Protein backbone atom coordinates (compact mmCIF):
# COMPACT_ATOMS: atom_id res chain seq x y z
CA MET A 1 52.72 11.74 -29.12
CA VAL A 2 54.92 14.42 -30.71
CA TYR A 3 52.35 15.30 -33.38
CA PHE A 4 49.59 17.82 -32.71
CA ALA A 5 46.71 18.29 -35.15
CA LYS A 6 45.76 21.91 -35.74
CA TRP A 7 42.34 21.44 -34.19
CA LYS A 8 43.96 20.11 -31.02
CA ILE A 9 46.23 23.13 -30.85
CA VAL A 10 43.27 25.47 -31.25
CA LEU A 11 41.30 23.53 -28.62
CA VAL A 12 44.11 23.63 -26.03
CA LEU A 13 44.74 27.35 -26.57
CA ALA A 14 41.00 28.10 -26.41
CA VAL A 15 40.53 26.20 -23.16
CA CYS A 16 43.50 27.98 -21.57
CA ALA A 17 42.27 31.37 -22.77
CA LEU A 18 38.75 30.75 -21.47
CA GLY A 19 40.18 29.63 -18.14
CA VAL A 20 42.06 32.91 -17.76
CA ILE A 21 39.02 34.96 -18.85
CA PHE A 22 36.57 33.27 -16.47
CA ALA A 23 39.06 33.37 -13.59
CA ALA A 24 39.83 37.07 -14.10
CA PRO A 25 36.76 38.50 -12.24
CA ASN A 26 38.07 36.96 -9.01
CA LEU A 27 41.16 39.17 -9.30
CA LEU A 28 39.61 42.27 -10.88
CA PHE A 29 36.52 42.79 -8.68
CA ASP A 30 36.06 42.87 -4.91
CA ARG A 31 32.48 41.68 -5.35
CA GLU A 32 30.44 40.32 -8.22
CA PRO A 33 29.52 43.28 -10.50
CA GLU A 34 25.84 43.94 -11.14
CA GLY A 35 24.20 44.73 -14.44
CA MET A 36 26.78 42.89 -16.56
CA PRO A 37 25.53 41.25 -19.78
CA PHE A 38 25.11 37.49 -19.49
CA TYR A 39 27.76 36.83 -22.13
CA VAL A 40 30.46 38.74 -20.22
CA PRO A 41 32.21 36.55 -17.59
CA HIS A 42 31.53 38.16 -14.21
CA LYS A 43 30.84 35.35 -11.76
CA LYS A 44 33.10 34.93 -8.77
CA ILE A 45 33.72 32.02 -6.42
CA ASN A 46 31.22 31.92 -3.57
CA LEU A 47 32.90 31.97 -0.18
CA GLY A 48 31.61 29.57 2.44
CA LEU A 49 30.53 30.28 5.99
CA ASP A 50 34.03 29.84 7.44
CA LEU A 51 35.49 32.36 4.97
CA GLN A 52 32.72 34.93 4.53
CA GLY A 53 31.15 34.76 7.96
CA GLY A 54 27.45 34.21 8.60
CA SER A 55 25.09 32.03 10.59
CA HIS A 56 25.08 28.31 11.40
CA LEU A 57 21.80 26.85 12.66
CA LEU A 58 20.91 23.30 13.62
CA LEU A 59 17.13 22.82 13.60
CA GLU A 60 15.06 19.95 14.94
CA VAL A 61 11.75 19.06 13.29
CA ASP A 62 8.99 18.33 15.82
CA VAL A 63 7.76 15.19 14.07
CA ALA A 64 5.91 14.13 17.22
CA SER A 65 3.46 17.04 16.82
CA VAL A 66 2.57 15.84 13.32
CA LEU A 67 1.96 12.32 14.59
CA ARG A 68 -0.21 13.71 17.41
CA GLU A 69 -2.22 15.71 14.88
CA ARG A 70 -2.72 12.59 12.77
CA LEU A 71 -3.87 10.68 15.85
CA ASN A 72 -6.37 13.43 16.68
CA ASN A 73 -7.67 13.28 13.11
CA MET A 74 -7.93 9.52 13.52
CA VAL A 75 -10.10 10.07 16.59
CA ASP A 76 -12.52 12.20 14.56
CA GLY A 77 -12.49 9.65 11.74
CA ALA A 78 -13.15 6.75 14.12
CA ARG A 79 -15.99 8.64 15.78
CA SER A 80 -17.70 9.31 12.45
CA ALA A 81 -17.17 5.75 11.17
CA LEU A 82 -18.45 4.07 14.34
CA ARG A 83 -21.45 6.34 14.67
CA GLY A 84 -22.27 5.86 10.99
CA ALA A 85 -22.29 2.08 11.50
CA GLY A 86 -24.28 2.35 14.73
CA ILE A 87 -21.51 0.78 16.84
CA GLY A 88 -21.48 1.86 20.47
CA TYR A 89 -18.21 2.75 22.19
CA VAL A 90 -16.79 4.54 25.22
CA GLY A 91 -13.51 6.26 26.06
CA LEU A 92 -12.50 7.21 22.52
CA GLY A 93 -9.33 9.33 22.60
CA VAL A 94 -5.56 9.50 22.24
CA GLU A 95 -3.54 7.45 24.71
CA GLY A 96 0.22 7.86 24.29
CA ASP A 97 1.12 7.03 20.72
CA SER A 98 -2.17 5.35 19.84
CA VAL A 99 -5.94 5.85 19.66
CA ALA A 100 -7.98 3.68 22.03
CA PHE A 101 -11.65 3.02 22.75
CA ARG A 102 -13.79 0.25 24.23
CA LEU A 103 -16.77 -1.34 22.48
CA ARG A 104 -20.10 -1.82 24.24
CA ASP A 105 -21.06 -4.79 22.04
CA LEU A 106 -18.27 -7.40 21.78
CA ALA A 107 -20.11 -9.15 18.95
CA ARG A 108 -19.27 -6.25 16.63
CA LEU A 109 -15.55 -6.30 17.39
CA ASP A 110 -14.50 -7.58 13.94
CA GLU A 111 -16.70 -5.04 12.19
CA ALA A 112 -15.27 -2.19 14.24
CA ARG A 113 -11.76 -3.47 13.53
CA ARG A 114 -12.36 -3.33 9.75
CA LEU A 115 -13.81 0.18 9.95
CA VAL A 116 -10.96 1.74 11.91
CA ALA A 117 -8.28 -0.15 9.96
CA ALA A 118 -9.40 1.70 6.82
CA LEU A 119 -8.96 5.15 8.39
CA GLU A 120 -5.22 5.54 7.87
CA PRO A 121 -2.62 3.60 5.87
CA GLU A 122 0.41 2.13 7.66
CA THR A 123 -1.51 1.50 10.91
CA ARG A 124 -2.05 -1.59 13.01
CA VAL A 125 -5.19 -2.40 15.01
CA GLU A 126 -4.95 -4.41 18.22
CA THR A 127 -8.02 -5.81 19.96
CA ALA A 128 -8.62 -7.52 23.28
CA GLU A 129 -11.34 -9.85 24.54
CA THR A 130 -12.52 -7.07 26.85
CA GLY A 131 -13.54 -5.00 23.79
CA LEU A 132 -10.55 -2.69 23.93
CA VAL A 133 -9.44 -1.49 20.49
CA ARG A 134 -6.12 0.29 19.97
CA ILE A 135 -4.92 1.90 16.71
CA ALA A 136 -1.27 2.88 16.24
CA PHE A 137 1.12 3.64 13.40
CA THR A 138 3.47 0.88 12.36
CA GLU A 139 7.24 1.44 12.57
CA ALA A 140 7.36 1.68 8.79
CA GLY A 141 4.54 4.23 8.87
CA VAL A 142 6.35 6.37 11.45
CA ARG A 143 9.58 6.26 9.42
CA GLU A 144 7.75 7.19 6.21
CA ARG A 145 5.93 10.11 7.83
CA THR A 146 9.12 11.30 9.53
CA GLN A 147 11.01 11.26 6.25
CA ARG A 148 8.18 13.03 4.42
CA VAL A 149 7.83 15.73 7.09
CA VAL A 150 11.58 16.41 7.24
CA GLU A 151 11.91 16.55 3.45
CA GLN A 152 8.95 18.94 3.23
CA SER A 153 10.43 21.06 6.02
CA ILE A 154 13.77 21.26 4.19
CA GLU A 155 11.99 22.45 1.04
CA ILE A 156 10.02 25.11 2.94
CA VAL A 157 13.17 26.28 4.77
CA ARG A 158 14.97 26.50 1.43
CA ARG A 159 12.15 28.58 -0.06
CA ARG A 160 12.13 30.96 2.88
CA VAL A 161 15.90 31.41 2.84
CA ASP A 162 15.93 31.91 -0.94
CA GLU A 163 13.25 34.61 -0.60
CA THR A 164 15.58 36.61 1.67
CA GLY A 165 18.19 36.81 -1.11
CA THR A 166 20.86 34.80 0.73
CA SER A 167 23.36 33.47 -1.81
CA GLU A 168 24.53 29.86 -1.77
CA PRO A 169 22.92 28.68 1.49
CA ASN A 170 23.82 25.18 2.63
CA ILE A 171 20.63 23.41 3.73
CA GLN A 172 20.76 19.68 4.30
CA ARG A 173 19.33 16.91 6.42
CA GLN A 174 21.34 15.75 9.41
CA GLY A 175 20.34 12.58 11.19
CA THR A 176 16.71 11.52 11.33
CA ASP A 177 14.87 14.71 12.18
CA ARG A 178 17.38 17.56 12.05
CA ILE A 179 18.20 20.20 9.46
CA LEU A 180 21.56 21.96 9.12
CA VAL A 181 21.34 25.52 7.79
CA GLN A 182 24.49 27.50 6.94
CA LEU A 183 23.97 31.03 5.64
CA PRO A 184 27.15 32.75 4.43
CA GLY A 185 27.16 36.53 4.61
CA VAL A 186 23.96 36.86 6.65
CA ASP A 187 24.15 40.10 8.64
CA ASP A 188 20.77 39.76 10.41
CA PRO A 189 20.62 36.23 11.85
CA GLU A 190 17.77 37.13 14.21
CA ARG A 191 15.45 37.84 11.29
CA ILE A 192 16.34 34.50 9.72
CA LYS A 193 15.61 32.76 13.01
CA ARG A 194 12.22 34.47 13.23
CA LEU A 195 11.37 33.43 9.68
CA LEU A 196 12.44 29.83 10.20
CA GLY A 197 10.85 29.53 13.63
CA ARG A 198 7.33 30.34 12.48
CA THR A 199 5.11 27.59 11.17
CA ALA A 200 3.17 30.14 9.03
CA ARG A 201 -0.07 28.19 8.92
CA LEU A 202 -2.70 30.60 7.63
CA THR A 203 -6.41 29.84 8.06
CA PHE A 204 -9.65 31.81 7.76
CA HIS A 205 -12.40 31.32 10.35
CA LEU A 206 -15.79 32.86 11.01
CA VAL A 207 -16.06 34.78 14.28
CA ASP A 208 -18.68 33.19 16.57
CA LEU A 209 -21.35 35.80 17.29
CA ARG A 210 -23.53 33.46 19.36
CA THR A 211 -21.78 34.30 22.59
CA SER A 212 -19.92 37.18 24.13
CA LEU A 213 -16.28 37.15 25.08
CA ALA A 214 -17.18 37.33 28.78
CA GLN A 215 -19.42 34.25 28.49
CA ALA A 216 -16.73 32.33 26.63
CA ARG A 217 -14.15 33.18 29.29
CA ALA A 218 -16.58 32.06 31.95
CA GLY A 219 -16.61 28.60 30.37
CA ARG A 220 -19.82 28.91 28.34
CA LEU A 221 -18.08 28.29 25.01
CA PRO A 222 -20.43 27.05 22.26
CA PRO A 223 -19.70 23.63 20.73
CA GLY A 224 -17.47 23.89 17.68
CA SER A 225 -15.87 27.16 18.78
CA MET A 226 -12.58 28.10 20.41
CA LEU A 227 -10.79 31.04 21.99
CA LEU A 228 -7.81 32.41 20.07
CA PRO A 229 -5.53 35.25 21.19
CA ALA A 230 -4.91 38.28 19.00
CA VAL A 231 -1.43 39.21 17.88
CA GLU A 232 0.27 41.96 19.86
CA SER A 233 -0.07 44.53 17.08
CA GLU A 234 -3.83 43.90 16.97
CA ARG A 235 -4.15 44.38 20.74
CA THR A 236 -2.10 47.56 20.80
CA GLY A 237 -4.14 48.87 17.88
CA GLY A 238 -7.30 48.85 19.97
CA GLY A 239 -8.61 45.40 19.09
CA PRO A 240 -9.71 42.71 21.57
CA GLU A 241 -7.15 40.49 23.24
CA VAL A 242 -9.06 37.28 22.51
CA TYR A 243 -11.51 36.21 19.81
CA VAL A 244 -14.20 33.53 19.83
CA VAL A 245 -13.95 31.82 16.44
CA ARG A 246 -15.43 28.74 14.84
CA LYS A 247 -13.11 25.73 14.78
CA ARG A 248 -14.02 24.91 11.21
CA VAL A 249 -11.45 26.17 8.71
CA MET A 250 -13.39 27.96 5.99
CA VAL A 251 -10.39 28.56 3.72
CA SER A 252 -6.81 27.33 4.18
CA GLY A 253 -3.53 29.00 3.29
CA GLU A 254 -2.64 25.87 1.33
CA ASN A 255 -4.65 27.38 -1.53
CA LEU A 256 -2.51 30.53 -1.66
CA ILE A 257 -0.44 30.95 -4.82
CA ASP A 258 1.00 34.44 -4.22
CA SER A 259 1.46 37.00 -1.49
CA GLN A 260 3.07 40.44 -1.76
CA PRO A 261 3.63 43.41 0.57
CA THR A 262 1.85 46.57 -0.52
CA PHE A 263 0.24 49.73 0.86
CA GLN A 264 -3.37 50.66 1.51
CA ASP A 265 -4.30 54.15 2.74
CA GLY A 266 -0.61 54.74 3.40
CA GLN A 267 -0.30 51.70 5.70
CA PRO A 268 1.67 48.52 4.99
CA VAL A 269 -0.59 45.56 4.22
CA VAL A 270 -0.20 42.11 2.65
CA SER A 271 -2.06 41.20 -0.51
CA PHE A 272 -2.79 37.56 -1.32
CA ARG A 273 -4.17 35.55 -4.20
CA PHE A 274 -5.81 32.11 -4.15
CA ASP A 275 -5.78 29.34 -6.73
CA ALA A 276 -9.03 28.40 -8.50
CA LEU A 277 -10.26 26.13 -5.68
CA GLY A 278 -9.36 28.62 -2.96
CA ALA A 279 -10.94 31.50 -4.89
CA ARG A 280 -14.20 29.54 -5.22
CA ARG A 281 -14.28 28.69 -1.50
CA PHE A 282 -13.35 32.22 -0.49
CA GLY A 283 -16.05 33.65 -2.75
CA GLU A 284 -18.73 31.32 -1.34
CA VAL A 285 -17.82 32.09 2.27
CA THR A 286 -17.77 35.85 1.78
CA ARG A 287 -21.03 35.78 -0.21
CA GLN A 288 -22.83 33.84 2.51
CA ASN A 289 -21.46 35.90 5.43
CA VAL A 290 -21.71 39.54 4.36
CA GLN A 291 -21.60 41.98 7.32
CA LYS A 292 -20.01 39.32 9.52
CA PRO A 293 -16.44 39.40 10.90
CA PHE A 294 -13.97 37.04 9.27
CA ALA A 295 -10.91 36.09 11.34
CA ILE A 296 -7.52 35.74 9.67
CA VAL A 297 -5.48 33.34 11.83
CA LEU A 298 -1.73 32.77 11.56
CA ASP A 299 -0.13 30.10 13.75
CA GLY A 300 -3.04 30.12 16.20
CA GLN A 301 -3.20 33.91 16.59
CA VAL A 302 -5.74 36.27 15.06
CA ILE A 303 -4.00 38.83 12.85
CA SER A 304 -7.20 40.73 12.17
CA ALA A 305 -10.93 40.11 11.97
CA PRO A 306 -12.36 42.51 9.38
CA VAL A 307 -16.09 42.65 8.60
CA ILE A 308 -17.00 41.29 5.17
CA ARG A 309 -18.47 44.33 3.38
CA GLU A 310 -19.26 42.56 0.12
CA PRO A 311 -18.55 39.21 -1.55
CA ILE A 312 -14.93 38.81 -2.67
CA LEU A 313 -15.18 36.75 -5.84
CA GLY A 314 -11.85 37.34 -7.56
CA GLY A 315 -9.72 35.25 -5.23
CA ASN A 316 -7.71 38.29 -4.11
CA GLY A 317 -7.65 39.88 -0.68
CA ILE A 318 -5.81 42.14 1.71
CA ILE A 319 -4.49 41.32 5.19
CA SER A 320 -4.19 44.41 7.37
CA GLY A 321 -3.07 44.42 10.98
CA ASN A 322 -0.90 47.36 12.07
CA PHE A 323 2.08 46.02 10.12
CA THR A 324 5.44 47.68 9.73
CA VAL A 325 7.12 47.55 6.33
CA GLN A 326 9.47 44.82 7.59
CA SER A 327 6.73 42.70 9.17
CA ALA A 328 4.61 42.98 6.01
CA ASN A 329 7.58 41.82 3.94
CA ASP A 330 8.25 38.92 6.31
CA LEU A 331 4.61 37.80 6.40
CA SER A 332 4.29 37.86 2.62
CA LEU A 333 7.54 35.89 2.38
CA LEU A 334 6.25 33.23 4.78
CA LEU A 335 2.95 32.90 2.97
CA ARG A 336 4.65 32.58 -0.42
CA ALA A 337 7.06 29.93 0.85
CA GLY A 338 4.28 27.89 2.45
CA ALA A 339 3.59 26.56 5.90
CA LEU A 340 5.95 24.24 7.71
CA PRO A 341 4.45 20.80 8.29
CA ALA A 342 5.86 20.80 11.84
CA PRO A 343 7.41 23.34 14.23
CA LEU A 344 11.18 23.79 14.19
CA THR A 345 13.35 24.11 17.28
CA ILE A 346 16.80 25.72 17.14
CA LEU A 347 19.19 23.29 18.86
CA GLU A 348 22.46 25.00 17.99
CA GLU A 349 23.37 28.44 16.77
CA ARG A 350 26.77 29.79 15.80
CA THR A 351 27.70 33.09 14.24
CA VAL A 352 30.99 33.37 12.39
CA GLY A 353 32.30 36.90 12.08
CA PRO A 354 33.81 38.16 8.81
CA GLY A 355 37.07 38.90 10.67
CA LEU A 356 37.66 35.19 11.28
CA GLY A 357 36.88 34.50 7.63
CA ALA A 358 39.35 37.19 6.54
CA ASP A 359 42.05 35.59 8.69
CA SER A 360 41.27 32.21 7.15
CA ILE A 361 41.47 33.63 3.62
CA ARG A 362 44.77 35.32 4.46
CA ALA A 363 46.20 32.10 5.88
CA GLY A 364 44.94 30.16 2.87
CA LYS A 365 46.54 32.66 0.49
CA ILE A 366 49.86 32.42 2.31
CA ALA A 367 49.77 28.61 2.20
CA SER A 368 48.79 28.59 -1.48
CA ILE A 369 51.43 31.11 -2.51
CA LEU A 370 54.15 29.41 -0.46
CA GLY A 371 53.31 25.98 -1.86
CA PHE A 372 53.10 27.39 -5.37
CA VAL A 373 56.49 29.12 -5.14
CA LEU A 374 58.20 26.04 -3.71
CA VAL A 375 56.79 23.89 -6.51
CA LEU A 376 57.95 26.39 -9.14
CA VAL A 377 61.48 26.58 -7.73
CA SER A 378 61.74 22.80 -7.36
CA MET A 379 60.57 22.07 -10.91
CA ALA A 380 62.86 24.72 -12.43
CA ALA A 381 65.84 23.49 -10.43
CA ILE A 382 65.34 19.80 -11.19
CA TYR A 383 64.14 19.85 -14.81
CA GLY A 384 65.44 23.15 -16.18
CA LEU A 385 63.61 24.37 -19.29
CA PHE A 386 61.11 21.53 -19.15
CA GLY A 387 60.45 22.46 -15.52
CA LEU A 388 59.68 26.05 -16.59
CA MET A 389 57.19 24.70 -19.13
CA ALA A 390 55.57 22.64 -16.40
CA ASN A 391 55.41 25.77 -14.23
CA LEU A 392 53.64 27.71 -16.98
CA ALA A 393 51.18 24.84 -17.35
CA LEU A 394 50.64 24.98 -13.58
CA LEU A 395 49.60 28.64 -13.90
CA PHE A 396 46.98 27.64 -16.46
CA ASN A 397 45.94 24.79 -14.17
CA ILE A 398 45.19 27.19 -11.30
CA ALA A 399 43.34 29.51 -13.67
CA LEU A 400 41.19 26.59 -14.85
CA ILE A 401 40.40 25.55 -11.26
CA ILE A 402 39.31 29.09 -10.35
CA ALA A 403 37.33 29.41 -13.58
CA LEU A 404 35.44 26.14 -13.05
CA LEU A 405 34.64 27.02 -9.42
CA SER A 406 33.31 30.38 -10.61
CA ILE A 407 31.23 28.92 -13.45
CA LEU A 408 29.76 26.18 -11.25
CA GLN A 409 29.21 28.73 -8.46
CA ALA A 410 30.71 26.24 -6.05
CA THR A 411 31.12 27.34 -2.45
CA LEU A 412 34.75 27.61 -1.39
CA THR A 413 35.49 26.71 2.23
CA LEU A 414 38.69 26.23 4.22
CA PRO A 415 38.87 22.53 3.32
CA GLY A 416 38.31 23.62 -0.28
CA ILE A 417 41.39 25.84 -0.05
CA ALA A 418 43.25 22.83 1.32
CA GLY A 419 42.12 20.88 -1.72
CA ILE A 420 43.48 23.58 -4.03
CA VAL A 421 46.82 23.62 -2.20
CA LEU A 422 46.94 19.83 -2.49
CA THR A 423 46.23 19.91 -6.23
CA ILE A 424 49.05 22.44 -6.73
CA GLY A 425 51.46 19.79 -5.51
CA MET A 426 49.68 16.97 -7.34
CA ALA A 427 49.45 18.95 -10.59
CA VAL A 428 53.17 18.49 -11.30
CA ASP A 429 53.14 14.77 -10.45
CA ALA A 430 52.15 13.88 -13.98
CA ASN A 431 54.93 16.03 -15.40
CA VAL A 432 57.43 14.46 -13.00
CA LEU A 433 56.44 10.98 -14.21
CA ILE A 434 56.77 12.04 -17.84
CA PHE A 435 60.09 13.85 -17.42
CA GLU A 436 61.63 10.99 -15.47
CA ARG A 437 60.48 8.55 -18.14
CA ILE A 438 62.04 10.76 -20.83
CA ARG A 439 65.31 10.80 -18.83
CA GLU A 440 65.30 7.00 -18.77
CA GLU A 441 64.76 6.85 -22.54
CA VAL A 442 67.63 9.32 -23.10
CA ALA A 443 69.88 7.21 -20.86
CA ASN A 444 68.99 4.18 -23.00
CA GLY A 445 70.37 5.97 -26.07
CA ARG A 446 67.23 7.28 -27.74
CA GLY A 447 67.20 10.59 -29.61
CA ALA A 448 65.33 13.68 -28.43
CA VAL A 449 62.14 13.18 -30.46
CA SER A 450 62.02 9.44 -29.84
CA ALA A 451 62.66 9.87 -26.09
CA VAL A 452 59.87 12.44 -25.75
CA ASP A 453 57.46 10.31 -27.77
CA SER A 454 58.24 7.16 -25.77
CA GLY A 455 58.23 9.02 -22.44
CA TYR A 456 54.72 10.38 -22.98
CA GLN A 457 53.36 7.09 -24.31
CA ARG A 458 54.69 4.95 -21.46
CA ALA A 459 53.84 7.41 -18.66
CA LEU A 460 50.30 8.04 -19.89
CA THR A 461 48.82 4.82 -18.50
CA THR A 462 50.38 5.38 -15.08
CA ILE A 463 49.12 8.97 -14.99
CA ILE A 464 45.56 8.00 -15.88
CA ASP A 465 45.49 5.12 -13.36
CA SER A 466 46.79 7.21 -10.47
CA ASN A 467 44.45 10.11 -11.16
CA ILE A 468 41.38 7.90 -11.62
CA THR A 469 41.94 6.17 -8.27
CA THR A 470 42.26 9.56 -6.55
CA LEU A 471 39.19 10.81 -8.43
CA ILE A 472 37.19 7.82 -7.16
CA ALA A 473 38.21 8.72 -3.60
CA ALA A 474 37.08 12.32 -4.20
CA MET A 475 33.71 11.09 -5.53
CA LEU A 476 33.18 8.91 -2.46
CA LEU A 477 34.02 11.86 -0.19
CA PHE A 478 31.46 13.96 -2.03
CA ILE A 479 28.74 11.28 -1.92
CA PHE A 480 29.14 10.25 1.70
CA GLY A 481 30.62 13.44 3.17
CA SER A 482 28.82 16.58 4.24
CA GLY A 483 29.54 20.30 4.33
CA PRO A 484 33.29 21.04 4.37
CA VAL A 485 34.18 17.49 3.31
CA LYS A 486 32.18 17.98 0.11
CA GLY A 487 33.97 21.28 -0.51
CA PHE A 488 37.32 19.50 -0.25
CA ALA A 489 36.11 16.76 -2.59
CA VAL A 490 34.90 19.26 -5.22
CA THR A 491 38.16 21.22 -5.38
CA LEU A 492 40.19 18.00 -5.35
CA ALA A 493 38.18 16.50 -8.23
CA ILE A 494 38.35 19.67 -10.29
CA GLY A 495 42.10 19.97 -9.62
CA LEU A 496 42.68 16.38 -10.73
CA MET A 497 40.87 16.88 -14.04
CA THR A 498 42.58 20.18 -14.82
CA SER A 499 46.02 18.82 -13.87
CA MET A 500 45.58 15.88 -16.24
CA PHE A 501 44.62 18.28 -19.01
CA THR A 502 47.53 20.65 -18.43
CA ALA A 503 50.09 17.84 -18.06
CA ILE A 504 48.98 15.70 -20.99
CA MET A 505 47.96 18.52 -23.34
CA VAL A 506 49.37 21.92 -22.35
CA THR A 507 52.88 20.88 -21.28
CA ARG A 508 53.15 18.43 -24.18
CA LEU A 509 52.12 21.16 -26.62
CA MET A 510 54.91 23.41 -25.32
CA VAL A 511 57.49 20.59 -25.42
CA VAL A 512 56.52 19.51 -28.94
CA THR A 513 56.52 23.12 -30.21
CA TRP A 514 60.00 23.66 -28.72
CA LEU A 515 61.31 20.43 -30.27
CA ARG A 516 60.01 21.26 -33.76
CA ARG A 517 61.44 24.77 -33.71
CA ARG A 518 64.85 24.06 -32.17
CA ARG A 519 65.36 20.57 -33.62
CA GLN A 520 67.94 19.82 -30.91
CA GLN A 521 69.41 16.39 -30.46
CA ALA A 522 70.03 16.82 -26.69
CA LEU A 523 67.26 17.50 -24.17
CA PRO A 524 67.76 20.03 -21.30
CA LEU A 525 66.79 17.53 -18.61
């Protein structure tokens, strides 16, 4: 244990030097510098919501609306299947959380049961002797759809937040149907709420020219058509307040692959581009309906209804609608990110001001510095020169912690600062075990070199065991914890690994180097 190979010496010195270099930007720059070459260390630790300030949102996914939509689709599927088989029925519709209808011919009950059972997976079909048939999702089916909808919603929320340029957002599932969103440094939470609150379902419909708006409002709405309101900007721009459009979706926004804000005739517009399937559908629709209005519908409101002047065969188009620059940017962002599978409701909203975060950072600095100074004084007073070596290793330990947090771009929160303060105290534990073991060997009559060698050998197993058990606890906190608990676990785990390195390698290198140069028979312990 008192021999160091040259490659080990080079490795230890290189690790310590890199730790100082990668930790330096946190002390040299107020914010992460831009335009730095990738090979120059410039990353800083990301501050969490409680330190930097920002927005905290708790969203609820309206899974029930998705299930209702699936039930309505099941109604259409059952109608087509029963009519195709020539089976008579009455009262087909949604009743509560199921689809129900009554057969006219009880002899065809089994046949009808087989037909409707094939409409949707994870459904159960219940029949009665009176001819009543009821279709509902199984509990497993509801759980599967809920999980799928929430996971898809989380991904869409993440895309939308990432498009705004927010750094290190914390987006995670909470409970069965809720999403926790923490956005450090967000200075416009209202815009984020608007972006997250919109479903952003884009569809293209033909405007129904078979009837006038007055006739439709009077109740003479043609079959297969519906009334949709226009967005406010369309109404204020001189357009109608309501449109009569065909229910059939000619092209869906699901086929969009890109959307960008741009300008046309000096006005902000949104350009879009379809994939191959969407481009083919869009081209067919526009070719067959030249000189007819084509409604662009977003979340059940008509953005605009331009007249198709000529076939659009390239899969590209423009959405115009009295946009501002900001609204054009937001709409293009929503379309790029994709539509939410279900509406989101904001259950809880908190805004943390940067002043509170500054106070927390100041308090954390005071606690860290105070703890650090007390540890330095205690080690120097108890162990003398060896204590000073341990203190120098502790400086490298803190540099390594900061460097790793910067490289990993981990988010530092108040519990994370607590973890760092804890590791400052724990970092010298290994050295305390080693130095006390060396003292015991000296008291037993061993020489300086032999006592150091035996002290490190016999304390090593204890050090590894104690740190591994604490590391396991940190891993469990990270796996089963959430938010701030994970931040504490990350800093604790990193601190444990760096403290083992500095105690076993850095301090030992300094002790061995001192022994070889001084060749003293007595140890200053």
